[in-house]
Amino acid sequence: LSLALRLFDEAKSAEGGTADVFLYNKMLRACERAKRGVTPAEVWGLLEDMDKNGVRPTVETYRWAISAMRKAKGGSRPEQALRLLERMKRDDLVPDEPIYCTVISALAKWRGGADWRRALEVLDSMSENGI
């Protein structure tokens, strides 16, 4: 992941300090695939950087960010995954089935014990949204 972060910074520098959504999505994918996981702060940092640079997130952006929270360093972060799901909706993006399933998985893998009540609420919201 450190190599990916370094390459990301170099690519941003080459483009005048900014990056496009494609590059941010690749970085979030690298976070999601990091063997030791990443911290929620690292994921939020990339999203805040996107905001600061006027880069609009896509469904793919949220897919990787939510999955990174499910695989976060130290264990699943379901609250963070739920926050991202709500932010996605505020950004007028429609979550797809894989995103909902990832949030449910984050709730099921929480170190504090699976939160089945909230997982069922997410499942219900899938039905309400026609998924």
Foldseek 3Di string as FASTA:
>chain_A
DVVLVVVLQVVCVVVVNDDEQVSLLVVLQCQLPPPQAAALCVLVVSVVRCVVVVHQHALSSLLSSLSSQCRHHPHHDLVSLVVSVVVCVVSVYDHDPSSLVSSLSSQCTGPVHRPVVVNVVSVVVCVVVPD
